[in-house]
Amino acid sequence: MGIHATTKEQIIHALDELPPESLHKVWQFLDSLRFKNQERAHEPAPALGGLLDGYRFTEEDIAQARREMWGRVDESTP
């Protein structure tokens, strides 16, 4: 018996112990989980290949960006 079967049995056992008025909330939660899983399954990953085509970064560009980034960190440190 795998971990999924054990977990499923534990969930069913826990459901049997709930009062009937709580089952509607469980159903709503399960419905929201199914919706989220469907949403993720149909959502294609964004294509990032070639995102920076045409941009040429010099050593100075990178150094300046680092200075700006770390300068902001120093400003926000109490």
PDB file of N, CA and C in Angstrom:
ATOM      1  N   MET A   1       0.862  -1.179   0.000  1.00  0.00           N
ATOM      2  CA  MET A   1       0.000   0.000   0.000  1.00  0.00           C
ATOM      3  C   MET A   1       0.901   1.234   0.000  1.00  0.00           C
ATOM      4  N   GLY A   2       0.690   2.127  -0.947  1.00  0.00           N
ATOM      5  CA  GLY A   2       1.509   3.319  -1.063  1.00  0.00           C
ATOM      6  C   GLY A   2       1.070   4.421  -0.124  1.00  0.00           C
ATOM      7  N   ILE A   3       1.879   5.461  -0.105  1.00  0.00           N
ATOM      8  CA  ILE A   3       1.588   6.595   0.782  1.00  0.00           C
ATOM      9  C   ILE A   3       0.288   7.291   0.383  1.00  0.00           C
ATOM     10  N   HIS A   4      -0.007   7.307  -0.926  1.00  0.00           N
ATOM     11  CA  HIS A   4      -1.236   7.971  -1.380  1.00  0.00           C
ATOM     12  C   HIS A   4      -2.478   7.228  -0.899  1.00  0.00           C
ATOM     13  N   ALA A   5      -2.411   5.900  -0.930  1.00  0.00           N
ATOM     14  CA  ALA A   5      -3.554   5.111  -0.463  1.00  0.00           C
ATOM     15  C   ALA A   5      -3.759   5.307   1.033  1.00  0.00           C
ATOM     16  N   THR A   6      -2.666   5.337   1.781  1.00  0.00           N
ATOM     17  CA  THR A   6      -2.763   5.555   3.227  1.00  0.00           C
ATOM     18  C   THR A   6      -3.350   6.926   3.516  1.00  0.00           C
ATOM     19  N   THR A   7      -2.863   7.940   2.824  1.00  0.00           N
ATOM     20  CA  THR A   7      -3.367   9.298   3.023  1.00  0.00           C
ATOM     21  C   THR A   7      -4.848   9.375   2.679  1.00  0.00           C
ATOM     22  N   LYS A   8      -5.240   8.740   1.587  1.00  0.00           N
ATOM     23  CA  LYS A   8      -6.646   8.755   1.180  1.00  0.00           C
ATOM     24  C   LYS A   8      -7.513   8.085   2.241  1.00  0.00           C
ATOM     25  N   GLU A   9      -7.046   6.981   2.772  1.00  0.00           N
ATOM     26  CA  GLU A   9      -7.798   6.293   3.824  1.00  0.00           C
ATOM     27  C   GLU A   9      -7.905   7.163   5.073  1.00  0.00           C
ATOM     28  N   GLN A  10      -6.829   7.869   5.405  1.00  0.00           N
ATOM     29  CA  GLN A  10      -6.852   8.750   6.571  1.00  0.00           C
ATOM     30  C   GLN A  10      -7.844   9.891   6.368  1.00  0.00           C
ATOM     31  N   ILE A  11      -7.901  10.415   5.159  1.00  0.00           N
ATOM     32  CA  ILE A  11      -8.843  11.499   4.853  1.00  0.00           C
ATOM     33  C   ILE A  11     -10.276  10.994   4.972  1.00  0.00           C
ATOM     34  N   ILE A  12     -10.532   9.813   4.417  1.00  0.00           N
ATOM     35  CA  ILE A  12     -11.879   9.237   4.492  1.00  0.00           C
ATOM     36  C   ILE A  12     -12.265   8.996   5.950  1.00  0.00           C
ATOM     37  N   HIS A  13     -11.336   8.497   6.741  1.00  0.00           N
ATOM     38  CA  HIS A  13     -11.603   8.269   8.168  1.00  0.00           C
ATOM     39  C   HIS A  13     -11.912   9.595   8.869  1.00  0.00           C
ATOM     40  N   ALA A  14     -11.141  10.634   8.564  1.00  0.00           N
ATOM     41  CA  ALA A  14     -11.376  11.946   9.176  1.00  0.00           C
ATOM     42  C   ALA A  14     -12.730  12.503   8.751  1.00  0.00           C
ATOM     43  N   LEU A  15     -13.125  12.281   7.498  1.00  0.00           N
ATOM     44  CA  LEU A  15     -14.433  12.737   7.021  1.00  0.00           C
ATOM     45  C   LEU A  15     -15.559  12.047   7.783  1.00  0.00           C
ATOM     46  N   ASP A  16     -15.379  10.758   8.046  1.00  0.00           N
ATOM     47  CA  ASP A  16     -16.398  10.010   8.789  1.00  0.00           C
ATOM     48  C   ASP A  16     -16.595  10.557  10.201  1.00  0.00           C
ATOM     49  N   GLU A  17     -15.565  11.172  10.757  1.00  0.00           N
ATOM     50  CA  GLU A  17     -15.648  11.700  12.119  1.00  0.00           C
ATOM     51  C   GLU A  17     -16.203  13.121  12.183  1.00  0.00           C
ATOM     52  N   LEU A  18     -16.305  13.786  11.035  1.00  0.00           N
ATOM     53  CA  LEU A  18     -16.812  15.165  11.024  1.00  0.00           C
ATOM     54  C   LEU A  18     -18.327  15.194  11.196  1.00  0.00           C
ATOM     55  N   PRO A  19     -18.831  16.250  11.807  1.00  0.00           N
ATOM     56  CA  PRO A  19     -20.288  16.404  11.862  1.00  0.00           C
ATOM     57  C   PRO A  19     -20.817  16.716  10.456  1.00  0.00           C
ATOM     58  N   PRO A  20     -22.034  16.286  10.159  1.00  0.00           N
ATOM     59  CA  PRO A  20     -22.589  16.471   8.814  1.00  0.00           C
ATOM     60  C   PRO A  20     -22.567  17.924   8.328  1.00  0.00           C
ATOM     61  N   GLU A  21     -22.736  18.876   9.233  1.00  0.00           N
ATOM     62  CA  GLU A  21     -22.772  20.281   8.796  1.00  0.00           C
ATOM     63  C   GLU A  21     -21.404  20.778   8.319  1.00  0.00           C
ATOM     64  N   SER A  22     -20.337  20.065   8.619  1.00  0.00           N
ATOM     65  CA  SER A  22     -18.996  20.467   8.174  1.00  0.00           C
ATOM     66  C   SER A  22     -18.674  19.963   6.772  1.00  0.00           C
ATOM     67  N   LEU A  23     -19.423  19.003   6.293  1.00  0.00           N
ATOM     68  CA  LEU A  23     -19.111  18.400   5.000  1.00  0.00           C
ATOM     69  C   LEU A  23     -19.218  19.393   3.851  1.00  0.00           C
ATOM     70  N   HIS A  24     -20.101  20.368   3.960  1.00  0.00           N
ATOM     71  CA  HIS A  24     -20.233  21.367   2.899  1.00  0.00           C
ATOM     72  C   HIS A  24     -18.945  22.178   2.762  1.00  0.00           C
ATOM     73  N   LYS A  25     -18.333  22.528   3.889  1.00  0.00           N
ATOM     74  CA  LYS A  25     -17.071  23.270   3.846  1.00  0.00           C
ATOM     75  C   LYS A  25     -15.966  22.430   3.216  1.00  0.00           C
ATOM     76  N   VAL A  26     -15.940  21.141   3.526  1.00  0.00           N
ATOM     77  CA  VAL A  26     -14.949  20.240   2.930  1.00  0.00           C
ATOM     78  C   VAL A  26     -15.158  20.181   1.426  1.00  0.00           C
ATOM     79  N   TRP A  27     -16.410  20.085   1.007  1.00  0.00           N
ATOM     80  CA  TRP A  27     -16.724  20.040  -0.416  1.00  0.00           C
ATOM     81  C   TRP A  27     -16.256  21.314  -1.119  1.00  0.00           C
ATOM     82  N   GLN A  28     -16.485  22.460  -0.515  1.00  0.00           N
ATOM     83  CA  GLN A  28     -16.041  23.724  -1.107  1.00  0.00           C
ATOM     84  C   GLN A  28     -14.522  23.759  -1.238  1.00  0.00           C
ATOM     85  N   PHE A  29     -13.824  23.287  -0.225  1.00  0.00           N
ATOM     86  CA  PHE A  29     -12.367  23.258  -0.263  1.00  0.00           C
ATOM     87  C   PHE A  29     -11.872  22.341  -1.377  1.00  0.00           C
ATOM     88  N   LEU A  30     -12.455  21.158  -1.482  1.00  0.00           N
ATOM     89  CA  LEU A  30     -12.068  20.225  -2.544  1.00  0.00           C
ATOM     90  C   LEU A  30     -12.338  20.817  -3.921  1.00  0.00           C
ATOM     91  N   ASP A  31     -13.459  21.505  -4.049  1.00  0.00           N
ATOM     92  CA  ASP A  31     -13.797  22.141  -5.319  1.00  0.00           C
ATOM     93  C   ASP A  31     -12.762  23.201  -5.682  1.00  0.00           C
ATOM     94  N   SER A  32     -12.320  23.977  -4.697  1.00  0.00           N
ATOM     95  CA  SER A  32     -11.313  25.004  -4.980  1.00  0.00           C
ATOM     96  C   SER A  32      -9.976  24.369  -5.351  1.00  0.00           C
ATOM     97  N   LEU A  33      -9.616  23.256  -4.724  1.00  0.00           N
ATOM     98  CA  LEU A  33      -8.381  22.553  -5.090  1.00  0.00           C
ATOM     99  C   LEU A  33      -8.442  22.028  -6.521  1.00  0.00           C
ATOM    100  N   ARG A  34      -9.582  21.453  -6.888  1.00  0.00           N
ATOM    101  CA  ARG A  34      -9.734  20.957  -8.261  1.00  0.00           C
ATOM    102  C   ARG A  34      -9.616  22.096  -9.254  1.00  0.00           C
ATOM    103  N   PHE A  35     -10.220  23.237  -8.949  1.00  0.00           N
ATOM    104  CA  PHE A  35     -10.160  24.394  -9.838  1.00  0.00           C
ATOM    105  C   PHE A  35      -8.721  24.870 -10.002  1.00  0.00           C
ATOM    106  N   LYS A  36      -7.981  24.972  -8.900  1.00  0.00           N
ATOM    107  CA  LYS A  36      -6.587  25.423  -8.973  1.00  0.00           C
ATOM    108  C   LYS A  36      -5.736  24.461  -9.789  1.00  0.00           C
ATOM    109  N   ASN A  37      -5.968  23.163  -9.620  1.00  0.00           N
ATOM    110  CA  ASN A  37      -5.195  22.178 -10.377  1.00  0.00           C
ATOM    111  C   ASN A  37      -5.518  22.235 -11.858  1.00  0.00           C
ATOM    112  N   GLN A  38      -6.776  22.458 -12.215  1.00  0.00           N
ATOM    113  CA  GLN A  38      -7.153  22.594 -13.621  1.00  0.00           C
ATOM    114  C   GLN A  38      -6.510  23.833 -14.215  1.00  0.00           C
ATOM    115  N   GLU A  39      -6.521  24.918 -13.453  1.00  0.00           N
ATOM    116  CA  GLU A  39      -5.972  26.184 -13.915  1.00  0.00           C
ATOM    117  C   GLU A  39      -4.491  26.024 -14.240  1.00  0.00           C
ATOM    118  N   ARG A  40      -3.744  25.368 -13.365  1.00  0.00           N
ATOM    119  CA  ARG A  40      -2.312  25.173 -13.580  1.00  0.00           C
ATOM    120  C   ARG A  40      -2.047  24.240 -14.749  1.00  0.00           C
ATOM    121  N   ALA A  41      -2.875  23.237 -14.922  1.00  0.00           N
ATOM    122  CA  ALA A  41      -2.653  22.267 -15.987  1.00  0.00           C
ATOM    123  C   ALA A  41      -2.806  22.908 -17.359  1.00  0.00           C
ATOM    124  N   HIS A  42      -3.684  23.896 -17.496  1.00  0.00           N
ATOM    125  CA  HIS A  42      -3.938  24.518 -18.791  1.00  0.00           C
ATOM    126  C   HIS A  42      -3.101  25.759 -19.039  1.00  0.00           C
ATOM    127  N   GLU A  43      -2.402  26.214 -18.039  1.00  0.00           N
ATOM    128  CA  GLU A  43      -1.636  27.447 -18.169  1.00  0.00           C
ATOM    129  C   GLU A  43      -0.241  27.139 -18.712  1.00  0.00           C
ATOM    130  N   PRO A  44       0.049  27.578 -19.940  1.00  0.00           N
ATOM    131  CA  PRO A  44       1.379  27.296 -20.488  1.00  0.00           C
ATOM    132  C   PRO A  44       2.450  28.148 -19.801  1.00  0.00           C
ATOM    133  N   ALA A  45       3.615  27.592 -19.696  1.00  0.00           N
ATOM    134  CA  ALA A  45       4.726  28.340 -19.111  1.00  0.00           C
ATOM    135  C   ALA A  45       5.136  29.448 -20.082  1.00  0.00           C
ATOM    136  N   PRO A  46       5.467  30.614 -19.563  1.00  0.00           N
ATOM    137  CA  PRO A  46       5.873  31.700 -20.452  1.00  0.00           C
ATOM    138  C   PRO A  46       7.196  31.367 -21.138  1.00  0.00           C
ATOM    139  N   ALA A  47       7.282  31.742 -22.394  1.00  0.00           N
ATOM    140  CA  ALA A  47       8.513  31.531 -23.151  1.00  0.00           C
ATOM    141  C   ALA A  47       9.461  32.689 -22.875  1.00  0.00           C
ATOM    142  N   LEU A  48      10.620  32.384 -22.338  1.00  0.00           N
ATOM    143  CA  LEU A  48      11.579  33.427 -22.003  1.00  0.00           C
ATOM    144  C   LEU A  48      12.773  33.444 -22.949  1.00  0.00           C
ATOM    145  N   GLY A  49      12.841  32.456 -23.814  1.00  0.00           N
ATOM    146  CA  GLY A  49      13.953  32.403 -24.755  1.00  0.00           C
ATOM    147  C   GLY A  49      13.949  33.619 -25.662  1.00  0.00           C
ATOM    148  N   GLY A  50      15.077  34.268 -25.772  1.00  0.00           N
ATOM    149  CA  GLY A  50      15.192  35.441 -26.623  1.00  0.00           C
ATOM    150  C   GLY A  50      14.675  36.715 -25.997  1.00  0.00           C
ATOM    151  N   LEU A  51      14.339  36.672 -24.726  1.00  0.00           N
ATOM    152  CA  LEU A  51      13.778  37.836 -24.051  1.00  0.00           C
ATOM    153  C   LEU A  51      14.727  39.031 -24.100  1.00  0.00           C
ATOM    154  N   LEU A  52      16.010  38.754 -24.011  1.00  0.00           N
ATOM    155  CA  LEU A  52      16.994  39.841 -23.998  1.00  0.00           C
ATOM    156  C   LEU A  52      17.741  39.978 -25.324  1.00  0.00           C
ATOM    157  N   ASP A  53      17.200  39.387 -26.382  1.00  0.00           N
ATOM    158  CA  ASP A  53      17.834  39.554 -27.696  1.00  0.00           C
ATOM    159  C   ASP A  53      17.921  41.027 -28.049  1.00  0.00           C
ATOM    160  N   GLY A  54      19.043  41.432 -28.548  1.00  0.00           N
ATOM    161  CA  GLY A  54      19.218  42.819 -28.947  1.00  0.00           C
ATOM    162  C   GLY A  54      19.802  43.691 -27.854  1.00  0.00           C
ATOM    163  N   TYR A  55      19.808  43.211 -26.627  1.00  0.00           N
ATOM    164  CA  TYR A  55      20.400  43.974 -25.529  1.00  0.00           C
ATOM    165  C   TYR A  55      21.862  43.571 -25.384  1.00  0.00           C
ATOM    166  N   ARG A  56      22.697  44.546 -25.258  1.00  0.00           N
ATOM    167  CA  ARG A  56      24.119  44.294 -25.038  1.00  0.00           C
ATOM    168  C   ARG A  56      24.521  44.995 -23.747  1.00  0.00           C
ATOM    169  N   PHE A  57      24.915  44.234 -22.768  1.00  0.00           N
ATOM    170  CA  PHE A  57      25.291  44.794 -21.478  1.00  0.00           C
ATOM    171  C   PHE A  57      26.809  44.850 -21.378  1.00  0.00           C
ATOM    172  N   THR A  58      27.317  46.021 -21.084  1.00  0.00           N
ATOM    173  CA  THR A  58      28.757  46.176 -20.893  1.00  0.00           C
ATOM    174  C   THR A  58      29.094  45.880 -19.437  1.00  0.00           C
ATOM    175  N   GLU A  59      30.375  45.723 -19.172  1.00  0.00           N
ATOM    176  CA  GLU A  59      30.828  45.523 -17.794  1.00  0.00           C
ATOM    177  C   GLU A  59      30.402  46.704 -16.930  1.00  0.00           C
ATOM    178  N   GLU A  60      30.464  47.917 -17.502  1.00  0.00           N
ATOM    179  CA  GLU A  60      30.084  49.116 -16.747  1.00  0.00           C
ATOM    180  C   GLU A  60      28.584  49.120 -16.443  1.00  0.00           C
ATOM    181  N   ASP A  61      27.745  48.668 -17.394  1.00  0.00           N
ATOM    182  CA  ASP A  61      26.296  48.578 -17.148  1.00  0.00           C
ATOM    183  C   ASP A  61      26.014  47.673 -15.948  1.00  0.00           C
ATOM    184  N   ILE A  62      26.683  46.537 -15.921  1.00  0.00           N
ATOM    185  CA  ILE A  62      26.474  45.576 -14.835  1.00  0.00           C
ATOM    186  C   ILE A  62      26.979  46.147 -13.517  1.00  0.00           C
ATOM    187  N   ALA A  63      28.145  46.787 -13.542  1.00  0.00           N
ATOM    188  CA  ALA A  63      28.705  47.378 -12.323  1.00  0.00           C
ATOM    189  C   ALA A  63      27.789  48.471 -11.783  1.00  0.00           C
ATOM    190  N   GLN A  64      27.241  49.292 -12.675  1.00  0.00           N
ATOM    191  CA  GLN A  64      26.341  50.364 -12.248  1.00  0.00           C
ATOM    192  C   GLN A  64      25.067  49.782 -11.634  1.00  0.00           C
ATOM    193  N   ALA A  65      24.512  48.755 -12.246  1.00  0.00           N
ATOM    194  CA  ALA A  65      23.305  48.120 -11.707  1.00  0.00           C
ATOM    195  C   ALA A  65      23.572  47.554 -10.314  1.00  0.00           C
ATOM    196  N   ARG A  66      24.736  46.949 -10.140  1.00  0.00           N
ATOM    197  CA  ARG A  66      25.091  46.417  -8.815  1.00  0.00           C
ATOM    198  C   ARG A  66      25.210  47.531  -7.787  1.00  0.00           C
ATOM    199  N   ARG A  67      25.846  48.634  -8.168  1.00  0.00           N
ATOM    200  CA  ARG A  67      25.985  49.757  -7.234  1.00  0.00           C
ATOM    201  C   ARG A  67      24.616  50.294  -6.835  1.00  0.00           C
ATOM    202  N   GLU A  68      23.723  50.429  -7.812  1.00  0.00           N
ATOM    203  CA  GLU A  68      22.372  50.927  -7.519  1.00  0.00           C
ATOM    204  C   GLU A  68      21.628  49.967  -6.596  1.00  0.00           C
ATOM    205  N   MET A  69      21.739  48.681  -6.888  1.00  0.00           N
ATOM    206  CA  MET A  69      21.035  47.684  -6.090  1.00  0.00           C
ATOM    207  C   MET A  69      21.558  47.674  -4.656  1.00  0.00           C
ATOM    208  N   TRP A  70      22.863  47.596  -4.490  1.00  0.00           N
ATOM    209  CA  TRP A  70      23.435  47.542  -3.149  1.00  0.00           C
ATOM    210  C   TRP A  70      23.296  48.871  -2.428  1.00  0.00           C
ATOM    211  N   GLY A  71      23.265  49.967  -3.161  1.00  0.00           N
ATOM    212  CA  GLY A  71      23.056  51.266  -2.533  1.00  0.00           C
ATOM    213  C   GLY A  71      21.687  51.348  -1.888  1.00  0.00           C
ATOM    214  N   ARG A  72      20.693  50.770  -2.530  1.00  0.00           N
ATOM    215  CA  ARG A  72      19.337  50.757  -1.965  1.00  0.00           C
ATOM    216  C   ARG A  72      19.269  49.886  -0.722  1.00  0.00           C
ATOM    217  N   VAL A  73      20.025  48.813  -0.698  1.00  0.00           N
ATOM    218  CA  VAL A  73      20.037  47.937   0.472  1.00  0.00           C
ATOM    219  C   VAL A  73      20.597  48.697   1.662  1.00  0.00           C
ATOM    220  N   ASP A  74      21.673  49.446   1.441  1.00  0.00           N
ATOM    221  CA  ASP A  74      22.272  50.225   2.529  1.00  0.00           C
ATOM    222  C   ASP A  74      21.305  51.268   3.060  1.00  0.00           C
ATOM    223  N   GLU A  75      20.518  51.878   2.167  1.00  0.00           N
ATOM    224  CA  GLU A  75      19.567  52.910   2.583  1.00  0.00           C
ATOM    225  C   GLU A  75      18.454  52.333   3.455  1.00  0.00           C
ATOM    226  N   SER A  76      18.055  51.111   3.172  1.00  0.00           N
ATOM    227  CA  SER A  76      16.928  50.528   3.901  1.00  0.00           C
ATOM    228  C   SER A  76      17.357  49.826   5.184  1.00  0.00           C
ATOM    229  N   THR A  77      18.656  49.682   5.398  1.00  0.00           N
ATOM    230  CA  THR A  77      19.143  49.027   6.606  1.00  0.00           C
ATOM    231  C   THR A  77      19.124  50.016   7.764  1.00  0.00           C
ATOM    232  N   PRO A  78      18.479  49.645   8.883  1.00  0.00           N
ATOM    233  CA  PRO A  78      18.395  50.584  10.022  1.00  0.00           C
ATOM    234  C   PRO A  78      19.724  50.767  10.724  1.00  0.00           C
TER     235      PRO A  78
END
